[in-house]
Protein backbone atom coordinates (compact mmCIF):
# COMPACT_ATOMS: atom_id res chain seq x y z
CA UNK A 1 107.59 52.74 -7.57
CA UNK A 2 110.80 53.86 -8.29
CA UNK A 3 112.47 56.76 -6.57
CA UNK A 4 116.16 58.10 -7.98
CA UNK A 5 119.65 59.01 -6.71
CA UNK A 6 118.32 57.39 -3.83
CA UNK A 7 119.06 54.20 -2.17
CA UNK A 8 117.29 52.87 1.49
CA UNK A 9 117.93 48.93 0.93
CA UNK A 10 121.00 46.85 1.75
CA UNK A 11 121.37 43.10 0.47
CA UNK A 12 123.29 40.16 1.51
CA UNK A 13 124.15 36.82 0.85
CA UNK A 14 122.86 33.82 2.67
CA UNK A 15 125.63 31.80 4.44
CA UNK A 16 126.09 28.59 5.29
CA UNK A 17 125.07 28.73 9.31
CA UNK A 18 121.98 30.76 7.64
CA UNK A 19 120.54 28.14 5.39
CA UNK A 20 117.87 26.35 6.09
CA UNK A 21 116.46 28.63 8.71
CA UNK A 22 113.21 30.67 8.00
CA UNK A 23 113.43 33.61 6.23
CA UNK A 24 112.52 36.09 8.95
CA UNK A 25 114.58 34.52 11.14
CA UNK A 26 117.60 35.33 9.56
CA UNK A 27 116.41 38.81 8.84
CA UNK A 28 115.91 39.74 13.00
CA UNK A 29 119.50 37.33 13.02
CA UNK A 30 121.03 40.35 10.61
CA UNK A 31 119.65 43.10 11.62
CA UNK A 32 119.10 43.38 14.93
CA UNK A 33 119.84 46.89 16.04
CA UNK A 34 116.73 47.25 13.12
CA UNK A 35 113.57 45.25 14.18
CA UNK A 36 112.03 42.46 15.74
CA UNK A 37 111.11 39.14 13.50
CA UNK A 38 107.68 40.72 13.63
CA UNK A 39 109.09 43.78 12.34
CA UNK A 40 110.20 41.99 9.38
CA UNK A 41 107.43 39.70 8.77
CA UNK A 42 105.56 43.04 7.60
CA UNK A 43 108.09 43.82 5.51
CA UNK A 44 108.23 40.59 3.58
CA UNK A 45 103.90 40.51 3.69
CA UNK A 46 104.92 43.78 1.78
CA UNK A 47 106.89 42.23 -0.45
CA UNK A 48 109.79 45.03 0.58
CA UNK A 49 112.28 41.79 0.76
CA UNK A 50 113.33 40.23 -2.10
CA UNK A 51 115.39 36.31 -2.58
CA UNK A 52 116.82 36.29 -6.07
CA UNK A 53 114.37 39.53 -7.05
CA UNK A 54 111.49 37.95 -6.16
CA UNK A 55 108.97 38.44 -3.36
CA UNK A 56 108.55 35.71 -1.26
CA UNK A 57 106.81 34.31 1.66
CA UNK A 58 107.90 34.57 5.28
CA UNK A 59 107.79 30.47 5.35
CA UNK A 60 110.60 30.32 2.58
CA UNK A 61 114.21 28.86 4.21
CA UNK A 62 116.83 30.19 1.82
CA UNK A 63 119.04 28.27 0.85
CA UNK A 64 122.92 28.77 0.50
CA UNK A 65 123.92 31.38 -1.82
CA UNK A 66 120.64 32.83 -2.18
CA UNK A 67 120.49 36.28 -2.69
CA UNK A 68 118.53 38.37 0.01
CA UNK A 69 117.73 41.93 -0.86
CA UNK A 70 115.55 44.36 2.14
CA UNK A 71 113.71 47.78 1.90
CA UNK A 72 113.26 49.22 5.22
CA UNK A 73 110.40 51.20 6.08
CA UNK A 74 109.15 52.89 9.29
CA UNK A 75 107.13 50.31 11.35
CA UNK A 76 103.10 50.77 11.03
CA UNK A 77 103.52 51.33 14.66
CA UNK A 78 106.08 54.45 14.98
CA UNK A 79 103.71 57.48 14.69
CA UNK A 80 105.38 60.16 11.52
CA UNK A 81 105.67 63.34 14.01
CA UNK A 82 104.83 66.36 13.04
CA UNK A 83 108.02 68.37 13.68
CA UNK A 84 108.66 72.41 13.07
CA UNK A 85 112.05 72.16 10.46
CA UNK A 86 112.07 75.22 8.89
CA UNK A 87 111.89 74.40 4.88
CA UNK A 88 112.73 76.88 2.03
CA UNK A 89 109.78 76.83 -0.05
CA UNK A 90 110.88 77.72 -4.13
CA UNK A 91 106.40 77.25 -5.31
CA UNK A 92 104.08 75.98 -3.70
CA UNK A 93 100.34 75.82 -4.37
CA UNK A 94 97.73 73.99 -3.44
CA UNK A 95 98.16 70.71 -4.84
CA UNK A 96 101.98 70.86 -4.24
CA UNK A 97 105.03 72.19 -3.12
CA UNK A 98 109.05 72.91 -4.28
CA UNK A 99 111.61 73.52 -1.93
CA UNK A 100 115.41 73.53 -1.62
CA UNK A 101 116.77 70.78 0.35
CA UNK A 102 119.53 72.08 2.38
CA UNK A 103 122.79 68.93 2.46
CA UNK A 104 122.22 66.65 5.21
CA UNK A 105 118.48 66.30 5.45
CA UNK A 106 117.39 62.41 4.99
CA UNK A 107 113.91 62.39 3.00
CA UNK A 108 111.38 59.89 4.67
CA UNK A 109 111.46 57.90 8.26
CA UNK A 110 113.96 54.91 8.25
CA UNK A 111 116.09 52.64 10.29
CA UNK A 112 118.47 55.92 12.26
CA UNK A 113 116.80 58.33 11.16
CA UNK A 114 113.01 57.92 12.85
CA UNK A 115 112.84 61.99 12.90
CA UNK A 116 114.59 65.25 11.82
CA UNK A 117 113.11 64.11 8.26
CA UNK A 118 111.31 65.76 4.94
CA UNK A 119 108.57 64.28 5.84
CA UNK A 120 108.31 65.14 9.55
CA UNK A 121 109.43 68.94 7.94
CA UNK A 122 106.62 68.15 5.71
CA UNK A 123 103.60 66.85 7.72
CA UNK A 124 104.02 70.01 10.42
CA UNK A 125 104.59 72.91 7.10
CA UNK A 126 101.00 71.22 5.62
CA UNK A 127 99.40 70.26 9.17
CA UNK A 128 97.65 67.01 8.85
CA UNK A 129 97.17 66.77 4.74
CA UNK A 130 93.80 64.38 4.05
CA UNK A 131 95.16 60.90 2.96
CA UNK A 132 98.52 61.81 3.45
CA UNK A 133 99.44 61.64 7.31
CA UNK A 134 98.22 57.80 8.01
CA UNK A 135 99.51 55.18 9.75
CA UNK A 136 99.21 53.21 6.11
CA UNK A 137 101.50 56.50 4.41
CA UNK A 138 105.55 55.36 4.97
CA UNK A 139 106.11 58.49 2.55
CA UNK A 140 103.76 61.19 2.17
CA UNK A 141 103.60 63.60 0.02
CA UNK A 142 107.00 62.43 -1.77
CA UNK A 143 107.20 61.40 -5.80
CA UNK A 144 110.80 61.42 -5.89
CA UNK A 145 113.55 61.38 -3.30
CA UNK A 146 117.52 62.84 -2.94
CA UNK A 147 120.29 60.97 -0.97
CA UNK A 148 121.09 63.04 2.43
CA UNK A 149 124.15 64.61 0.97
CA UNK A 150 122.43 65.98 -2.33
CA UNK A 151 120.56 69.39 -1.59
CA UNK A 152 118.51 70.91 -4.09
CA UNK A 153 114.98 71.10 -5.82
CA UNK A 154 112.59 68.53 -4.43
CA UNK A 155 109.19 68.32 -5.21
CA UNK A 156 106.13 67.13 -2.79
CA UNK A 157 102.70 66.27 -3.04
CA UNK A 158 99.85 67.73 -0.78
CA UNK A 159 97.41 66.31 -2.45
CA UNK A 160 96.44 61.98 -2.56
CA UNK A 161 95.37 62.99 -6.57
CA UNK A 162 98.60 65.52 -7.29
CA UNK A 163 101.36 62.60 -5.92
CA UNK A 164 99.49 59.56 -7.99
CA UNK A 165 99.93 62.14 -11.71
CA UNK A 166 103.12 63.24 -10.34
CA UNK A 167 104.64 60.16 -9.50
CA UNK A 168 103.11 58.80 -13.03
CA UNK A 169 105.26 61.91 -14.65
CA UNK A 170 108.67 60.90 -13.14
CA UNK A 171 107.78 57.10 -14.42
CA UNK A 172 107.07 58.55 -17.92
CA UNK A 173 110.50 61.16 -17.72
CA UNK A 174 107.77 63.99 -18.27
CA UNK A 175 109.85 65.81 -15.40
CA UNK A 176 113.00 67.36 -16.47
CA UNK A 177 115.93 67.06 -13.87
CA UNK A 178 119.12 69.16 -13.77
CA UNK A 179 121.47 68.36 -11.40
CA UNK A 180 125.30 70.35 -10.82
CA UNK A 181 128.19 68.22 -9.90
CA UNK A 182 131.67 69.52 -9.14
CA UNK A 183 134.27 66.83 -10.32
CA UNK A 184 137.63 65.93 -9.67
CA UNK A 185 138.50 66.03 -13.54
CA UNK A 186 136.90 66.64 -16.88
CA UNK A 187 134.32 64.63 -18.06
CA UNK A 188 133.71 67.46 -20.86
CA UNK A 189 130.32 67.54 -22.83
CA UNK A 190 128.88 63.86 -22.78
CA UNK A 191 126.24 61.07 -22.72
CA UNK A 192 126.44 58.19 -20.48
CA UNK A 193 124.61 54.94 -21.81
CA UNK A 194 125.22 52.07 -20.02
CA UNK A 195 123.42 49.68 -17.81
CA UNK A 196 123.59 49.88 -13.27
CA UNK A 197 123.00 47.45 -11.19
CA UNK A 198 123.54 46.11 -7.29
CA UNK A 199 127.51 45.80 -7.11
CA UNK A 200 128.23 42.24 -6.93
CA UNK A 201 130.61 42.01 -3.62
CA UNK A 202 129.82 46.14 -1.99
CA UNK A 203 126.51 46.15 -1.48
CA UNK A 204 125.69 49.09 -0.81
CA UNK A 205 127.24 50.15 -3.97
CA UNK A 206 126.00 50.54 -7.79
CA UNK A 207 128.00 49.49 -10.35
CA UNK A 208 127.69 49.24 -14.18
CA UNK A 209 126.92 46.01 -15.04
CA UNK A 210 126.00 44.05 -18.39
CA UNK A 211 122.45 42.67 -16.70
CA UNK A 212 121.89 46.89 -15.11
CA UNK A 213 118.51 48.38 -15.84
CA UNK A 214 119.65 51.25 -18.37
CA UNK A 215 120.78 54.67 -17.32
CA UNK A 216 121.38 57.24 -19.62
CA UNK A 217 123.00 60.49 -18.26
CA UNK A 218 124.02 64.03 -20.23
CA UNK A 219 126.62 65.44 -19.27
CA UNK A 220 128.04 69.49 -20.20
CA UNK A 221 131.09 71.13 -18.10
CA UNK A 222 130.38 74.61 -18.08
CA UNK A 223 133.96 75.75 -16.18
CA UNK A 224 136.79 73.47 -15.48
CA UNK A 225 139.98 74.25 -14.02
CA UNK A 226 143.09 71.60 -13.89
CA UNK A 227 141.57 69.29 -11.55
CA UNK A 228 137.90 70.50 -11.24
CA UNK A 229 134.93 70.58 -13.32
CA UNK A 230 131.37 72.43 -13.15
CA UNK A 231 129.50 69.96 -14.93
CA UNK A 232 126.05 70.05 -15.79
CA UNK A 233 123.83 66.99 -15.76
CA UNK A 234 120.66 66.10 -17.18
CA UNK A 235 119.37 62.84 -15.85
CA UNK A 236 116.66 60.36 -18.56
CA UNK A 237 116.24 57.88 -16.39
CA UNK A 238 116.53 57.68 -12.42
CA UNK A 239 118.36 54.74 -11.29
CA UNK A 240 119.59 54.59 -7.94
CA UNK A 241 123.50 56.85 -7.67
CA UNK A 242 122.72 57.13 -11.13
CA UNK A 243 125.05 60.51 -11.35
CA UNK A 244 127.74 59.27 -8.99
CA UNK A 245 128.15 55.93 -10.57
CA UNK A 246 127.77 57.52 -14.63
CA UNK A 247 130.71 59.90 -13.02
CA UNK A 248 132.92 57.68 -11.44
CA UNK A 249 133.14 55.12 -14.66
CA UNK A 250 133.73 58.52 -16.67
CA UNK A 251 137.14 58.80 -14.48
CA UNK A 252 135.57 62.06 -13.23
CA UNK A 253 133.66 61.06 -9.58
CA UNK A 254 132.19 64.14 -7.33
CA UNK A 255 134.11 65.70 -5.29
CA UNK A 256 132.89 64.70 -1.72
CA UNK A 257 130.68 61.62 -2.46
CA UNK A 258 132.47 59.59 0.11
CA UNK A 259 130.86 56.09 -1.47
CA UNK A 260 132.46 56.95 -5.12
CA UNK A 261 134.69 59.57 -4.72
CA UNK A 262 138.62 60.51 -4.44
CA UNK A 263 139.85 60.17 -1.41
CA UNK A 264 142.99 61.97 -1.96
CA UNK A 265 140.93 64.71 -3.55
CA UNK A 266 138.44 64.68 -0.53
CA UNK A 267 141.08 65.20 1.89
CA UNK A 268 142.32 67.55 0.14
CA UNK A 269 139.68 69.98 -0.54
CA UNK A 270 138.01 69.45 2.90
CA UNK A 271 135.22 68.13 0.91
CA UNK A 272 132.65 65.70 3.33
CA UNK A 273 129.96 65.20 1.52
CA UNK A 274 129.03 64.80 -1.93
CA UNK A 275 129.21 68.01 -4.39
CA UNK A 276 126.24 67.11 -5.67
CA UNK A 277 122.98 69.89 -6.37
CA UNK A 278 119.37 69.35 -7.92
CA UNK A 279 119.17 72.19 -9.35
CA UNK A 280 116.08 73.45 -11.73
CA UNK A 281 112.99 71.16 -12.28
CA UNK A 282 110.87 71.98 -14.99
CA UNK A 283 107.07 70.41 -16.20
CA UNK A 284 103.33 70.90 -16.93
CA UNK A 285 101.57 71.48 -13.83
CA UNK A 286 99.67 68.44 -13.28
CA UNK A 287 96.19 69.20 -12.39
CA UNK A 288 96.53 73.14 -13.87
CA UNK A 289 98.89 72.87 -16.74
CA UNK A 290 100.76 75.50 -15.89
CA UNK A 291 104.09 75.25 -17.04
CA UNK A 292 106.59 75.06 -14.30
CA UNK A 293 109.89 76.18 -13.96
CA UNK A 294 112.13 76.49 -10.82
CA UNK A 295 116.09 76.91 -10.00
CA UNK A 296 117.37 76.23 -6.64
CA UNK A 297 120.66 78.09 -6.06
CA UNK A 298 124.06 76.30 -5.01
CA UNK A 299 124.39 76.06 -1.07
CA UNK A 300 127.28 77.54 0.64
CA UNK A 301 129.92 74.92 0.29
CA UNK A 302 129.34 74.66 -3.31
CA UNK A 303 129.33 78.65 -3.73
CA UNK A 304 132.99 78.69 -1.95
CA UNK A 305 134.58 75.59 -3.13
CA UNK A 306 133.37 77.37 -6.60
CA UNK A 307 135.32 80.41 -5.44
CA UNK A 308 138.20 79.08 -4.18
CA UNK A 309 138.91 77.29 -7.04
CA UNK A 310 137.74 79.56 -10.46
CA UNK A 311 137.89 82.71 -8.00
CA UNK A 312 134.05 84.07 -9.43
CA UNK A 313 130.42 83.35 -8.49
CA UNK A 314 127.76 81.24 -10.15
């Protein structure tokens, strides 16, 4: 299963003092603040720990230079708690709900964010949906994700059948996704077709790599000034941090992006979160075949930035 525009994993390279030890022991020492050895054994069993890109057994003893990638999930013993968190609902029926996610909301529980997430809010809103609120369902109803700081249209399933079908539709690129971003500079109207993979040095970042996965982004500049542009972005693939990486490579990073952006521009415009908004989705309802098109208005910080720079509303 692949999720676009988000990342809840980490990577590291086996050092000399780690080589020869069992993988579960290495992970427990590497991430002491996250979980116990038992927790990492669970991740390995679920094939959420990769050694040089492949799933392994917990007894394996990595050697110097091996690449380890870990995908953190909520431990089964930690209950998913419904929480009364307001949701800005744009569309809802018996099978799915579409919300306007505010910037700063984490999608699902993970280390450092065990509650206050969209999943907690979804469980409360849907009042223990059958099959979606069990301990084994670590991402109940989730069919795609947005970065914590990205706002906008987010789809969630309210039934297992809808969840399965929506995941398949995302994988088959049958859901139109449109984003709006405020960029430093002007990317113009362009197609960016460059593969994306894990950065070889900065392991929390992605980068353009020849051996990466194919990634295709379409950009259209809607409004531009001397140093900023409002850009419509449509993605044909859903790679981790795809829009942010492609726009950085273009030389026009997203304003406010702390990971890939311009520190100078972020300070100048006092932006503390990436100015990226999931503006619109369009798709055929997986069960009723109804054509659904939903748009989310821009959040206040993006509106204020545009009003200040372009002296007009969007």
